[in-house]
């Protein structure tokens, strides 16, 4: 299950980067709900199973994969890696400090991580602060993260039973 989660995480991050590079900022809120929401939930699941340096290596590897698949997406890959790294650190610190069930901790840390990611990514990727994109991304990431976290929690519970 761990190997599958790592592969899905890297694939989702790469797909999100490539679709932004291809379609531009308008697809950001859709990506945020579907792909980044899954990324947030998987990141919390992986936080419990990987060391911090392994998580950082995974984030950097997915950014490098984006660049290798589409060098024109280089700016997007750099922005994504920077935003994912900052958001992952905030997410990790929040997740580690919260108490309660995994689902409660995941959703709480997703709010913090989504805020950081939603501000940093579009600003670096598109070279300007775009408040409407930041807000739409934030709301979509929190909602998508909550949905994916609930699905992941149910799936893992069934697999472990």
C-alpha atoms as a PDB file:
ATOM      1  CA  UNK A   1       0.000   0.000   0.000  1.00  0.00           C
ATOM      2  CA  UNK A   2       2.886   2.385   0.768  1.00  0.00           C
ATOM      3  CA  UNK A   3       4.445   1.998  -2.679  1.00  0.00           C
ATOM      4  CA  UNK A   4       1.058   2.594  -4.339  1.00  0.00           C
ATOM      5  CA  UNK A   5       0.497   5.738  -2.255  1.00  0.00           C
ATOM      6  CA  UNK A   6       3.940   7.095  -3.200  1.00  0.00           C
ATOM      7  CA  UNK A   7       3.315   6.402  -6.879  1.00  0.00           C
ATOM      8  CA  UNK A   8      -0.149   7.992  -6.771  1.00  0.00           C
ATOM      9  CA  UNK A   9       1.211  11.020  -4.883  1.00  0.00           C
ATOM     10  CA  UNK A  10       3.976  11.636  -7.442  1.00  0.00           C
ATOM     11  CA  UNK A  11       1.609  11.057 -10.359  1.00  0.00           C
ATOM     12  CA  UNK A  12      -1.037  13.415  -8.979  1.00  0.00           C
ATOM     13  CA  UNK A  13       1.486  16.173  -8.332  1.00  0.00           C
ATOM     14  CA  UNK A  14       2.964  15.766 -11.819  1.00  0.00           C
ATOM     15  CA  UNK A  15      -0.476  15.773 -13.486  1.00  0.00           C
ATOM     16  CA  UNK A  16      -1.464  18.886 -11.563  1.00  0.00           C
ATOM     17  CA  UNK A  17       1.702  20.684 -12.680  1.00  0.00           C
ATOM     18  CA  UNK A  18       1.387  19.643 -16.315  1.00  0.00           C
ATOM     19  CA  UNK A  19      -2.285  20.606 -16.541  1.00  0.00           C
ATOM     20  CA  UNK A  20      -1.556  24.067 -15.091  1.00  0.00           C
ATOM     21  CA  UNK A  21       1.292  24.511 -17.572  1.00  0.00           C
ATOM     22  CA  UNK A  22      -0.987  23.471 -20.438  1.00  0.00           C
ATOM     23  CA  UNK A  23      -4.288  25.166 -19.515  1.00  0.00           C
ATOM     24  CA  UNK A  24      -3.161  28.104 -17.362  1.00  0.00           C
ATOM     25  CA  UNK A  25      -4.537  29.583 -14.133  1.00  0.00           C
ATOM     26  CA  UNK A  26      -8.228  28.993 -14.870  1.00  0.00           C
ATOM     27  CA  UNK A  27      -7.844  25.253 -14.243  1.00  0.00           C
ATOM     28  CA  UNK A  28      -6.269  25.859 -10.803  1.00  0.00           C
ATOM     29  CA  UNK A  29      -9.495  25.586  -8.758  1.00  0.00           C
ATOM     30  CA  UNK A  30     -10.455  22.333 -10.521  1.00  0.00           C
ATOM     31  CA  UNK A  31      -6.970  20.928  -9.957  1.00  0.00           C
ATOM     32  CA  UNK A  32      -7.120  22.134  -6.376  1.00  0.00           C
ATOM     33  CA  UNK A  33     -10.259  20.128  -5.620  1.00  0.00           C
ATOM     34  CA  UNK A  34      -9.513  16.942  -7.513  1.00  0.00           C
ATOM     35  CA  UNK A  35      -5.739  16.547  -7.625  1.00  0.00           C
ATOM     36  CA  UNK A  36      -4.386  18.706  -4.810  1.00  0.00           C
ATOM     37  CA  UNK A  37      -7.139  17.565  -2.454  1.00  0.00           C
ATOM     38  CA  UNK A  38      -5.907  14.019  -3.041  1.00  0.00           C
ATOM     39  CA  UNK A  39      -2.318  15.200  -2.623  1.00  0.00           C
ATOM     40  CA  UNK A  40      -3.139  16.767   0.766  1.00  0.00           C
ATOM     41  CA  UNK A  41      -4.831  13.620   2.044  1.00  0.00           C
ATOM     42  CA  UNK A  42      -2.065  11.336   0.769  1.00  0.00           C
ATOM     43  CA  UNK A  43       0.580  13.641   2.214  1.00  0.00           C
ATOM     44  CA  UNK A  44      -0.918  13.225   5.691  1.00  0.00           C
ATOM     45  CA  UNK A  45      -1.134   9.478   5.241  1.00  0.00           C
ATOM     46  CA  UNK A  46       2.495   9.422   4.096  1.00  0.00           C
ATOM     47  CA  UNK A  47       3.578  11.701   6.975  1.00  0.00           C
ATOM     48  CA  UNK A  48       2.797   8.863   9.357  1.00  0.00           C
ATOM     49  CA  UNK A  49       4.754   6.359   7.279  1.00  0.00           C
ATOM     50  CA  UNK A  50       7.749   8.258   5.853  1.00  0.00           C
ATOM     51  CA  UNK A  51      10.575  10.243   7.361  1.00  0.00           C
ATOM     52  CA  UNK A  52      10.680  13.995   6.694  1.00  0.00           C
ATOM     53  CA  UNK A  53      13.631  13.694   4.290  1.00  0.00           C
ATOM     54  CA  UNK A  54      11.803  10.988   2.324  1.00  0.00           C
ATOM     55  CA  UNK A  55       8.754  13.232   1.970  1.00  0.00           C
ATOM     56  CA  UNK A  56      10.944  16.126   0.808  1.00  0.00           C
ATOM     57  CA  UNK A  57      12.683  13.844  -1.702  1.00  0.00           C
ATOM     58  CA  UNK A  58       9.292  12.737  -3.032  1.00  0.00           C
ATOM     59  CA  UNK A  59       8.172  16.356  -3.518  1.00  0.00           C
ATOM     60  CA  UNK A  60      11.406  17.286  -5.309  1.00  0.00           C
ATOM     61  CA  UNK A  61      11.269  14.144  -7.467  1.00  0.00           C
ATOM     62  CA  UNK A  62       7.727  14.940  -8.620  1.00  0.00           C
ATOM     63  CA  UNK A  63       8.819  18.483  -9.512  1.00  0.00           C
ATOM     64  CA  UNK A  64      11.778  17.095 -11.476  1.00  0.00           C
ATOM     65  CA  UNK A  65       9.497  14.615 -13.244  1.00  0.00           C
ATOM     66  CA  UNK A  66       7.228  17.493 -14.295  1.00  0.00           C
ATOM     67  CA  UNK A  67      10.191  19.301 -15.788  1.00  0.00           C
ATOM     68  CA  UNK A  68      11.499  16.192 -17.572  1.00  0.00           C
ATOM     69  CA  UNK A  69       8.085  15.491 -19.113  1.00  0.00           C
ATOM     70  CA  UNK A  70       7.618  19.103 -20.210  1.00  0.00           C
ATOM     71  CA  UNK A  71      10.596  21.490 -19.903  1.00  0.00           C
ATOM     72  CA  UNK A  72       8.256  24.358 -20.808  1.00  0.00           C
ATOM     73  CA  UNK A  73       6.562  23.642 -17.468  1.00  0.00           C
ATOM     74  CA  UNK A  74       9.805  24.440 -15.624  1.00  0.00           C
ATOM     75  CA  UNK A  75       8.439  27.579 -13.969  1.00  0.00           C
ATOM     76  CA  UNK A  76       5.341  25.644 -12.890  1.00  0.00           C
ATOM     77  CA  UNK A  77       7.487  22.795 -11.519  1.00  0.00           C
ATOM     78  CA  UNK A  78       9.654  25.197  -9.512  1.00  0.00           C
ATOM     79  CA  UNK A  79       6.612  27.068  -8.183  1.00  0.00           C
ATOM     80  CA  UNK A  80       4.906  23.792  -7.372  1.00  0.00           C
ATOM     81  CA  UNK A  81       7.932  22.329  -5.603  1.00  0.00           C
ATOM     82  CA  UNK A  82       8.391  25.509  -3.551  1.00  0.00           C
ATOM     83  CA  UNK A  83       4.701  25.680  -2.654  1.00  0.00           C
ATOM     84  CA  UNK A  84       4.423  21.947  -1.908  1.00  0.00           C
ATOM     85  CA  UNK A  85       7.554  22.041   0.242  1.00  0.00           C
ATOM     86  CA  UNK A  86       6.368  25.036   2.282  1.00  0.00           C
ATOM     87  CA  UNK A  87       2.847  23.627   2.547  1.00  0.00           C
ATOM     88  CA  UNK A  88       4.164  20.173   3.475  1.00  0.00           C
ATOM     89  CA  UNK A  89       6.222  21.658   6.304  1.00  0.00           C
ATOM     90  CA  UNK A  90       3.254  23.620   7.650  1.00  0.00           C
ATOM     91  CA  UNK A  91       0.997  20.594   7.163  1.00  0.00           C
ATOM     92  CA  UNK A  92       3.473  18.323   8.930  1.00  0.00           C
ATOM     93  CA  UNK A  93       3.941  20.691  11.891  1.00  0.00           C
ATOM     94  CA  UNK A  94       0.180  21.159  12.243  1.00  0.00           C
ATOM     95  CA  UNK A  95      -0.534  17.425  11.878  1.00  0.00           C
ATOM     96  CA  UNK A  96       2.109  16.621  14.513  1.00  0.00           C
ATOM     97  CA  UNK A  97       0.671  19.116  17.014  1.00  0.00           C
ATOM     98  CA  UNK A  98      -3.010  18.276  16.636  1.00  0.00           C
ATOM     99  CA  UNK A  99      -4.540  15.557  18.785  1.00  0.00           C
ATOM    100  CA  UNK A 100      -7.420  13.280  17.944  1.00  0.00           C
ATOM    101  CA  UNK A 101      -8.215  10.902  15.150  1.00  0.00           C
ATOM    102  CA  UNK A 102      -6.168  10.735  11.967  1.00  0.00           C
ATOM    103  CA  UNK A 103      -9.114  12.242  10.054  1.00  0.00           C
ATOM    104  CA  UNK A 104      -9.392  15.224  12.423  1.00  0.00           C
ATOM    105  CA  UNK A 105      -5.655  15.831  12.281  1.00  0.00           C
ATOM    106  CA  UNK A 106      -5.582  15.440   8.486  1.00  0.00           C
ATOM    107  CA  UNK A 107      -8.391  17.938   7.940  1.00  0.00           C
ATOM    108  CA  UNK A 108      -6.908  20.428  10.390  1.00  0.00           C
ATOM    109  CA  UNK A 109      -3.474  20.246   8.831  1.00  0.00           C
ATOM    110  CA  UNK A 110      -4.991  20.409   5.333  1.00  0.00           C
ATOM    111  CA  UNK A 111      -6.446  23.825   6.137  1.00  0.00           C
ATOM    112  CA  UNK A 112      -3.004  25.120   7.127  1.00  0.00           C
ATOM    113  CA  UNK A 113      -1.223  23.459   4.207  1.00  0.00           C
ATOM    114  CA  UNK A 114      -3.869  24.601   1.715  1.00  0.00           C
ATOM    115  CA  UNK A 115      -3.518  28.215   2.868  1.00  0.00           C
ATOM    116  CA  UNK A 116       0.240  28.208   2.338  1.00  0.00           C
ATOM    117  CA  UNK A 117       0.095  26.330  -0.972  1.00  0.00           C
ATOM    118  CA  UNK A 118      -2.751  28.476  -2.335  1.00  0.00           C
ATOM    119  CA  UNK A 119      -0.823  31.666  -1.692  1.00  0.00           C
ATOM    120  CA  UNK A 120       2.642  30.598  -2.833  1.00  0.00           C
ATOM    121  CA  UNK A 121       1.893  28.529  -5.955  1.00  0.00           C
ATOM    122  CA  UNK A 122      -0.069  30.953  -8.156  1.00  0.00           C
ATOM    123  CA  UNK A 123       2.062  33.893  -7.062  1.00  0.00           C
ATOM    124  CA  UNK A 124       5.289  32.169  -8.137  1.00  0.00           C
ATOM    125  CA  UNK A 125       3.836  30.322 -11.144  1.00  0.00           C
ATOM    126  CA  UNK A 126       2.134  33.325 -12.717  1.00  0.00           C
ATOM    127  CA  UNK A 127       4.289  36.136 -11.325  1.00  0.00           C
ATOM    128  CA  UNK A 128       1.506  38.044  -9.607  1.00  0.00           C
ATOM    129  CA  UNK A 129      -0.713  37.843  -6.551  1.00  0.00           C
ATOM    130  CA  UNK A 130      -4.109  36.708  -7.849  1.00  0.00           C
ATOM    131  CA  UNK A 131      -6.497  36.904  -4.864  1.00  0.00           C
ATOM    132  CA  UNK A 132      -9.451  35.295  -6.647  1.00  0.00           C
ATOM    133  CA  UNK A 133      -7.330  32.303  -7.714  1.00  0.00           C
ATOM    134  CA  UNK A 134      -5.806  32.069  -4.210  1.00  0.00           C
ATOM    135  CA  UNK A 135      -9.253  32.052  -2.586  1.00  0.00           C
ATOM    136  CA  UNK A 136     -10.772  29.600  -5.070  1.00  0.00           C
ATOM    137  CA  UNK A 137      -7.780  27.278  -4.726  1.00  0.00           C
ATOM    138  CA  UNK A 138      -7.915  27.425  -0.929  1.00  0.00           C
ATOM    139  CA  UNK A 139     -11.616  26.570  -0.744  1.00  0.00           C
ATOM    140  CA  UNK A 140     -11.259  23.818  -3.349  1.00  0.00           C
ATOM    141  CA  UNK A 141      -8.183  22.305  -1.634  1.00  0.00           C
ATOM    142  CA  UNK A 142      -9.849  22.217   1.770  1.00  0.00           C
ATOM    143  CA  UNK A 143     -13.041  20.683   0.344  1.00  0.00           C
ATOM    144  CA  UNK A 144     -11.166  18.224  -1.873  1.00  0.00           C
ATOM    145  CA  UNK A 145      -8.779  17.352   0.946  1.00  0.00           C
ATOM    146  CA  UNK A 146     -11.697  16.620   3.284  1.00  0.00           C
ATOM    147  CA  UNK A 147     -13.365  14.388   0.695  1.00  0.00           C
ATOM    148  CA  UNK A 148     -10.166  12.490  -0.155  1.00  0.00           C
ATOM    149  CA  UNK A 149      -9.189  12.172   3.533  1.00  0.00           C
ATOM    150  CA  UNK A 150     -12.566  10.639   4.347  1.00  0.00           C
ATOM    151  CA  UNK A 151     -12.272   8.218   1.417  1.00  0.00           C
ATOM    152  CA  UNK A 152      -8.684   7.343   2.308  1.00  0.00           C
ATOM    153  CA  UNK A 153      -9.563   6.771   5.968  1.00  0.00           C
ATOM    154  CA  UNK A 154     -12.397   4.408   4.990  1.00  0.00           C
ATOM    155  CA  UNK A 155     -10.245   2.564   2.441  1.00  0.00           C
ATOM    156  CA  UNK A 156      -7.351   2.099   4.861  1.00  0.00           C
ATOM    157  CA  UNK A 157      -9.672   0.940   7.644  1.00  0.00           C
ATOM    158  CA  UNK A 158     -11.152  -1.715   5.345  1.00  0.00           C
ATOM    159  CA  UNK A 159      -7.718  -2.812   4.119  1.00  0.00           C
ATOM    160  CA  UNK A 160      -6.405  -3.129   7.670  1.00  0.00           C
ATOM    161  CA  UNK A 161      -9.485  -5.017   8.940  1.00  0.00           C
END
